[in-house]
PDB file of N, CA and C in Angstrom:
ATOM      1  N   MET A   1      24.550  51.617  11.050  1.00  0.00           N
ATOM      2  CA  MET A   1      24.520  51.681  12.378  1.00  0.00           C
ATOM      3  C   MET A   1      25.202  50.708  12.980  1.00  0.00           C
ATOM      4  N   ALA A   2      25.893  51.207  14.189  1.00  0.00           N
ATOM      5  CA  ALA A   2      26.668  50.103  14.986  1.00  0.00           C
ATOM      6  C   ALA A   2      25.870  49.163  15.821  1.00  0.00           C
ATOM      7  N   GLN A   3      26.272  48.102  16.150  1.00  0.00           N
ATOM      8  CA  GLN A   3      25.397  47.151  16.809  1.00  0.00           C
ATOM      9  C   GLN A   3      25.504  47.441  18.321  1.00  0.00           C
ATOM     10  N   LYS A   4      24.852  47.435  18.958  1.00  0.00           N
ATOM     11  CA  LYS A   4      24.780  47.751  20.555  1.00  0.00           C
ATOM     12  C   LYS A   4      25.490  46.505  21.066  1.00  0.00           C
ATOM     13  N   GLN A   5      26.255  47.018  21.952  1.00  0.00           N
ATOM     14  CA  GLN A   5      27.538  45.982  22.525  1.00  0.00           C
ATOM     15  C   GLN A   5      26.588  45.364  23.868  1.00  0.00           C
ATOM     16  N   LYS A   6      26.616  44.004  23.926  1.00  0.00           N
ATOM     17  CA  LYS A   6      25.576  43.409  25.314  1.00  0.00           C
ATOM     18  C   LYS A   6      26.526  43.638  26.257  1.00  0.00           C
ATOM     19  N   ASN A   7      26.031  43.841  27.281  1.00  0.00           N
ATOM     20  CA  ASN A   7      26.830  44.040  28.596  1.00  0.00           C
ATOM     21  C   ASN A   7      27.179  42.471  29.378  1.00  0.00           C
ATOM     22  N   GLU A   8      28.433  42.410  29.320  1.00  0.00           N
ATOM     23  CA  GLU A   8      28.872  41.058  29.715  1.00  0.00           C
ATOM     24  C   GLU A   8      29.099  41.033  31.550  1.00  0.00           C
ATOM     25  N   GLY A   9      28.684  41.965  31.898  1.00  0.00           N
ATOM     26  CA  GLY A   9      28.887  41.731  33.583  1.00  0.00           C
ATOM     27  C   GLY A   9      30.247  42.357  33.808  1.00  0.00           C
ATOM     28  N   GLU A  10      30.825  41.731  34.972  1.00  0.00           N
ATOM     29  CA  GLU A  10      32.282  41.797  35.422  1.00  0.00           C
ATOM     30  C   GLU A  10      33.191  41.374  34.353  1.00  0.00           C
ATOM     31  N   GLY A  11      33.908  42.387  33.734  1.00  0.00           N
ATOM     32  CA  GLY A  11      34.957  42.112  32.649  1.00  0.00           C
ATOM     33  C   GLY A  11      34.274  42.121  31.399  1.00  0.00           C
ATOM     34  N   ASN A  12      35.063  42.222  30.138  1.00  0.00           N
ATOM     35  CA  ASN A  12      34.423  41.909  29.089  1.00  0.00           C
ATOM     36  C   ASN A  12      35.372  41.156  28.251  1.00  0.00           C
ATOM     37  N   ARG A  13      34.643  39.809  28.353  1.00  0.00           N
ATOM     38  CA  ARG A  13      35.583  38.530  27.806  1.00  0.00           C
ATOM     39  C   ARG A  13      35.506  38.722  26.354  1.00  0.00           C
ATOM     40  N   THR A  14      34.559  39.290  25.642  1.00  0.00           N
ATOM     41  CA  THR A  14      34.672  39.810  23.796  1.00  0.00           C
ATOM     42  C   THR A  14      35.855  40.880  23.877  1.00  0.00           C
ATOM     43  N   ALA A  15      35.999  41.848  24.677  1.00  0.00           N
ATOM     44  CA  ALA A  15      37.218  42.822  24.374  1.00  0.00           C
ATOM     45  C   ALA A  15      38.467  42.242  24.967  1.00  0.00           C
ATOM     46  N   ALA A  16      38.588  41.474  25.866  1.00  0.00           N
ATOM     47  CA  ALA A  16      39.806  40.458  26.138  1.00  0.00           C
ATOM     48  C   ALA A  16      40.453  39.764  25.488  1.00  0.00           C
ATOM     49  N   ARG A  17      39.115  38.824  24.615  1.00  0.00           N
ATOM     50  CA  ARG A  17      39.629  38.016  23.608  1.00  0.00           C
ATOM     51  C   ARG A  17      40.228  38.853  22.552  1.00  0.00           C
ATOM     52  N   ALA A  18      39.662  39.713  22.007  1.00  0.00           N
ATOM     53  CA  ALA A  18      40.449  40.650  20.849  1.00  0.00           C
ATOM     54  C   ALA A  18      41.691  40.936  21.268  1.00  0.00           C
ATOM     55  N   TYR A  19      41.783  41.858  22.331  1.00  0.00           N
ATOM     56  CA  TYR A  19      42.901  42.379  22.624  1.00  0.00           C
ATOM     57  C   TYR A  19      44.069  41.282  22.735  1.00  0.00           C
ATOM     58  N   ASN A  20      43.602  39.941  23.338  1.00  0.00           N
ATOM     59  CA  ASN A  20      44.722  38.990  23.340  1.00  0.00           C
ATOM     60  C   ASN A  20      45.295  38.506  22.078  1.00  0.00           C
ATOM     61  N   THR A  21      43.913  38.182  21.283  1.00  0.00           N
ATOM     62  CA  THR A  21      44.405  38.080  19.894  1.00  0.00           C
ATOM     63  C   THR A  21      45.423  38.782  19.308  1.00  0.00           C
ATOM     64  N   ALA A  22      44.838  40.186  19.256  1.00  0.00           N
ATOM     65  CA  ALA A  22      45.892  41.059  18.333  1.00  0.00           C
ATOM     66  C   ALA A  22      47.213  41.113  19.249  1.00  0.00           C
ATOM     67  N   SER A  23      47.221  41.185  20.542  1.00  0.00           N
ATOM     68  CA  SER A  23      48.958  40.930  21.216  1.00  0.00           C
ATOM     69  C   SER A  23      49.596  40.090  20.739  1.00  0.00           C
ATOM     70  N   GLU A  24      49.102  39.066  20.520  1.00  0.00           N
ATOM     71  CA  GLU A  24      49.570  37.508  20.306  1.00  0.00           C
ATOM     72  C   GLU A  24      49.968  37.921  18.726  1.00  0.00           C
ATOM     73  N   LYS A  25      49.416  38.218  17.768  1.00  0.00           N
ATOM     74  CA  LYS A  25      49.638  38.309  16.731  1.00  0.00           C
ATOM     75  C   LYS A  25      50.997  39.536  16.094  1.00  0.00           C
ATOM     76  N   PHE A  26      50.638  40.614  16.912  1.00  0.00           N
ATOM     77  CA  PHE A  26      51.960  41.566  16.975  1.00  0.00           C
ATOM     78  C   PHE A  26      53.171  40.801  17.475  1.00  0.00           C
ATOM     79  N   ALA A  27      53.187  40.037  18.523  1.00  0.00           N
ATOM     80  CA  ALA A  27      54.366  39.460  19.056  1.00  0.00           C
ATOM     81  C   ALA A  27      54.953  38.701  18.286  1.00  0.00           C
ATOM     82  N   LYS A  28      54.114  37.949  17.303  1.00  0.00           N
ATOM     83  CA  LYS A  28      54.486  36.893  16.340  1.00  0.00           C
ATOM     84  C   LYS A  28      54.807  37.722  15.126  1.00  0.00           C
ATOM     85  N   SER A  29      54.418  39.001  14.794  1.00  0.00           N
ATOM     86  CA  SER A  29      54.930  39.655  13.561  1.00  0.00           C
ATOM     87  C   SER A  29      56.326  39.961  13.366  1.00  0.00           C
ATOM     88  N   GLY A  30      57.061  40.011  14.220  1.00  0.00           N
ATOM     89  CA  GLY A  30      58.515  40.676  14.406  1.00  0.00           C
ATOM     90  C   GLY A  30      58.681  41.988  14.178  1.00  0.00           C
ATOM     91  N   ARG A  31      57.635  42.783  14.625  1.00  0.00           N
ATOM     92  CA  ARG A  31      57.783  44.243  14.745  1.00  0.00           C
ATOM     93  C   ARG A  31      58.162  44.779  16.093  1.00  0.00           C
ATOM     94  N   VAL A  32      58.363  43.943  17.123  1.00  0.00           N
ATOM     95  CA  VAL A  32      57.986  44.235  18.525  1.00  0.00           C
ATOM     96  C   VAL A  32      59.604  45.401  18.464  1.00  0.00           C
ATOM     97  N   GLY A  33      60.555  44.686  18.147  1.00  0.00           N
ATOM     98  CA  GLY A  33      61.899  45.463  18.126  1.00  0.00           C
ATOM     99  C   GLY A  33      61.877  46.745  17.476  1.00  0.00           C
ATOM    100  N   GLU A  34      61.345  46.665  16.233  1.00  0.00           N
ATOM    101  CA  GLU A  34      61.211  48.111  15.352  1.00  0.00           C
ATOM    102  C   GLU A  34      60.108  48.972  16.252  1.00  0.00           C
ATOM    103  N   GLN A  35      59.228  48.674  16.928  1.00  0.00           N
ATOM    104  CA  GLN A  35      58.454  49.516  17.570  1.00  0.00           C
ATOM    105  C   GLN A  35      58.892  50.015  19.086  1.00  0.00           C
ATOM    106  N   ALA A  36      59.925  49.212  19.617  1.00  0.00           N
ATOM    107  CA  ALA A  36      60.998  49.383  20.834  1.00  0.00           C
ATOM    108  C   ALA A  36      61.793  50.325  20.647  1.00  0.00           C
ATOM    109  N   ARG A  37      62.306  50.586  19.284  1.00  0.00           N
ATOM    110  CA  ARG A  37      63.188  51.377  18.807  1.00  0.00           C
ATOM    111  C   ARG A  37      62.358  52.722  18.711  1.00  0.00           C
ATOM    112  N   ARG A  38      61.498  52.671  18.131  1.00  0.00           N
ATOM    113  CA  ARG A  38      60.626  54.124  17.873  1.00  0.00           C
ATOM    114  C   ARG A  38      60.336  54.447  19.167  1.00  0.00           C
ATOM    115  N   ALA A  39      59.800  54.055  19.858  1.00  0.00           N
ATOM    116  CA  ALA A  39      59.604  54.352  21.228  1.00  0.00           C
ATOM    117  C   ALA A  39      60.536  55.089  22.291  1.00  0.00           C
ATOM    118  N   GLN A  40      61.693  54.159  21.860  1.00  0.00           N
ATOM    119  CA  GLN A  40      63.233  54.936  22.611  1.00  0.00           C
ATOM    120  C   GLN A  40      63.258  56.192  21.978  1.00  0.00           C
ATOM    121  N   GLN A  41      63.145  56.192  20.623  1.00  0.00           N
ATOM    122  CA  GLN A  41      63.396  57.561  19.996  1.00  0.00           C
ATOM    123  C   GLN A  41      62.588  58.727  20.528  1.00  0.00           C
ATOM    124  N   ALA A  42      61.423  58.311  20.827  1.00  0.00           N
ATOM    125  CA  ALA A  42      60.263  59.247  21.404  1.00  0.00           C
ATOM    126  C   ALA A  42      60.597  59.860  22.464  1.00  0.00           C
ATOM    127  N   VAL A  43      61.249  58.987  23.415  1.00  0.00           N
ATOM    128  CA  VAL A  43      61.480  59.345  24.914  1.00  0.00           C
ATOM    129  C   VAL A  43      62.693  60.009  24.846  1.00  0.00           C
ATOM    130  N   ASP A  44      63.557  59.719  23.859  1.00  0.00           N
ATOM    131  CA  ASP A  44      64.999  60.267  23.865  1.00  0.00           C
ATOM    132  C   ASP A  44      64.914  61.828  22.868  1.00  0.00           C
ATOM    133  N   GLY A  45      63.702  61.862  22.299  1.00  0.00           N
ATOM    134  CA  GLY A  45      63.699  62.984  21.441  1.00  0.00           C
ATOM    135  C   GLY A  45      62.912  63.985  21.805  1.00  0.00           C
ATOM    136  N   PRO A  46      62.222  65.012  20.620  1.00  0.00           N
ATOM    137  CA  PRO A  46      61.498  66.128  20.968  1.00  0.00           C
ATOM    138  C   PRO A  46      60.231  65.803  21.669  1.00  0.00           C
ATOM    139  N   GLN A  47      60.011  64.550  21.648  1.00  0.00           N
ATOM    140  CA  GLN A  47      58.580  64.400  22.037  1.00  0.00           C
ATOM    141  C   GLN A  47      58.901  63.976  23.571  1.00  0.00           C
ATOM    142  N   LYS A  48      60.055  64.195  24.408  1.00  0.00           N
ATOM    143  CA  LYS A  48      60.462  63.823  25.695  1.00  0.00           C
ATOM    144  C   LYS A  48      59.415  64.724  26.697  1.00  0.00           C
ATOM    145  N   PRO A  49      59.380  66.190  26.408  1.00  0.00           N
ATOM    146  CA  PRO A  49      58.640  67.074  27.675  1.00  0.00           C
ATOM    147  C   PRO A  49      57.058  66.418  27.483  1.00  0.00           C
ATOM    148  N   ASP A  50      56.499  66.249  26.458  1.00  0.00           N
ATOM    149  CA  ASP A  50      54.985  65.771  26.288  1.00  0.00           C
ATOM    150  C   ASP A  50      54.745  64.257  26.966  1.00  0.00           C
ATOM    151  N   LEU A  51      55.965  63.488  26.592  1.00  0.00           N
ATOM    152  CA  LEU A  51      55.515  62.414  27.333  1.00  0.00           C
ATOM    153  C   LEU A  51      55.812  62.258  28.983  1.00  0.00           C
ATOM    154  N   ASP A  52      56.863  63.372  29.439  1.00  0.00           N
ATOM    155  CA  ASP A  52      57.120  63.400  30.865  1.00  0.00           C
ATOM    156  C   ASP A  52      55.640  63.981  31.252  1.00  0.00           C
ATOM    157  N   ARG A  53      55.054  65.055  30.712  1.00  0.00           N
ATOM    158  CA  ARG A  53      54.055  65.649  31.374  1.00  0.00           C
ATOM    159  C   ARG A  53      53.101  64.527  31.473  1.00  0.00           C
ATOM    160  N   ALA A  54      52.804  63.654  30.551  1.00  0.00           N
ATOM    161  CA  ALA A  54      51.685  62.683  30.294  1.00  0.00           C
ATOM    162  C   ALA A  54      52.034  61.947  31.543  1.00  0.00           C
ATOM    163  N   GLU A  55      53.086  61.510  31.902  1.00  0.00           N
ATOM    164  CA  GLU A  55      53.462  60.449  32.858  1.00  0.00           C
ATOM    165  C   GLU A  55      53.139  61.144  34.302  1.00  0.00           C
ATOM    166  N   ARG A  56      53.506  62.660  34.410  1.00  0.00           N
ATOM    167  CA  ARG A  56      53.253  63.177  35.714  1.00  0.00           C
ATOM    168  C   ARG A  56      51.548  63.133  36.021  1.00  0.00           C
ATOM    169  N   LEU A  57      50.783  63.349  34.759  1.00  0.00           N
ATOM    170  CA  LEU A  57      49.295  63.536  34.746  1.00  0.00           C
ATOM    171  C   LEU A  57      48.819  62.453  35.323  1.00  0.00           C
ATOM    172  N   GLY A  58      49.417  61.289  34.860  1.00  0.00           N
ATOM    173  CA  GLY A  58      48.997  59.790  35.089  1.00  0.00           C
ATOM    174  C   GLY A  58      49.159  59.362  36.556  1.00  0.00           C
ATOM    175  N   LYS A  59      50.673  60.096  37.024  1.00  0.00           N
ATOM    176  CA  LYS A  59      50.972  59.319  38.502  1.00  0.00           C
ATOM    177  C   LYS A  59      49.939  60.225  39.241  1.00  0.00           C
ATOM    178  N   SER A  60      49.687  61.539  38.833  1.00  0.00           N
ATOM    179  CA  SER A  60      49.184  62.237  39.794  1.00  0.00           C
ATOM    180  C   SER A  60      47.628  61.739  40.180  1.00  0.00           C
ATOM    181  N   LYS A  61      47.048  61.016  39.091  1.00  0.00           N
ATOM    182  CA  LYS A  61      45.535  60.510  39.689  1.00  0.00           C
ATOM    183  C   LYS A  61      45.810  58.995  40.083  1.00  0.00           C
ATOM    184  N   ALA A  62      47.193  58.436  40.230  1.00  0.00           N
ATOM    185  CA  ALA A  62      47.252  57.013  40.827  1.00  0.00           C
ATOM    186  C   ALA A  62      47.178  57.109  42.433  1.00  0.00           C
ATOM    187  N   ARG A  63      46.907  56.051  43.057  1.00  0.00           N
ATOM    188  CA  ARG A  63      46.853  55.725  44.129  1.00  0.00           C
ATOM    189  C   ARG A  63      48.195  55.497  44.956  1.00  0.00           C
ATOM    190  N   GLY A  64      49.201  55.382  44.073  1.00  0.00           N
ATOM    191  CA  GLY A  64      50.337  54.766  44.581  1.00  0.00           C
ATOM    192  C   GLY A  64      51.142  53.881  43.519  1.00  0.00           C
ATOM    193  N   GLU A  65      52.374  53.806  43.909  1.00  0.00           N
ATOM    194  CA  GLU A  65      53.133  52.895  42.976  1.00  0.00           C
ATOM    195  C   GLU A  65      52.829  51.425  42.794  1.00  0.00           C
ATOM    196  N   ASP A  66      52.969  50.876  41.976  1.00  0.00           N
ATOM    197  CA  ASP A  66      52.399  49.338  42.148  1.00  0.00           C
ATOM    198  C   ASP A  66      53.518  48.525  42.461  1.00  0.00           C
ATOM    199  N   PRO A  67      53.558  47.855  43.698  1.00  0.00           N
ATOM    200  CA  PRO A  67      54.567  47.038  44.333  1.00  0.00           C
ATOM    201  C   PRO A  67      55.221  46.234  43.444  1.00  0.00           C
ATOM    202  N   ALA A  68      54.781  46.071  42.343  1.00  0.00           N
ATOM    203  CA  ALA A  68      55.205  44.713  41.464  1.00  0.00           C
ATOM    204  C   ALA A  68      56.652  45.854  40.538  1.00  0.00           C
ATOM    205  N   VAL A  69      56.465  46.976  40.897  1.00  0.00           N
ATOM    206  CA  VAL A  69      57.622  47.638  39.842  1.00  0.00           C
ATOM    207  C   VAL A  69      58.741  47.728  40.994  1.00  0.00           C
ATOM    208  N   SER A  70      58.582  47.729  42.048  1.00  0.00           N
ATOM    209  CA  SER A  70      59.936  47.525  42.878  1.00  0.00           C
ATOM    210  C   SER A  70      60.561  46.254  43.068  1.00  0.00           C
ATOM    211  N   ARG A  71      59.770  45.320  42.458  1.00  0.00           N
ATOM    212  CA  ARG A  71      60.324  43.878  42.974  1.00  0.00           C
ATOM    213  C   ARG A  71      61.300  43.526  42.325  1.00  0.00           C
ATOM    214  N   LYS A  72      62.298  42.646  42.712  1.00  0.00           N
ATOM    215  CA  LYS A  72      63.314  42.167  41.524  1.00  0.00           C
ATOM    216  C   LYS A  72      63.042  40.925  41.680  1.00  0.00           C
TER     217      LYS A  72
END
């Protein structure tokens, strides 16, 4: 049986630590370029309509565009 997760209050340090560790491991793995190419192929390939639909759905629930996106 799965262990019940302790409530850590505002933010989950355990999950954040696990995410940061996995992200760092992936970045150092040398697979970033390969995964970027696969993502580009998905965007340019037959998955494009599904990805566009998912993006529209996500944006429809957003409060607005992040100002950092348009900053240069």
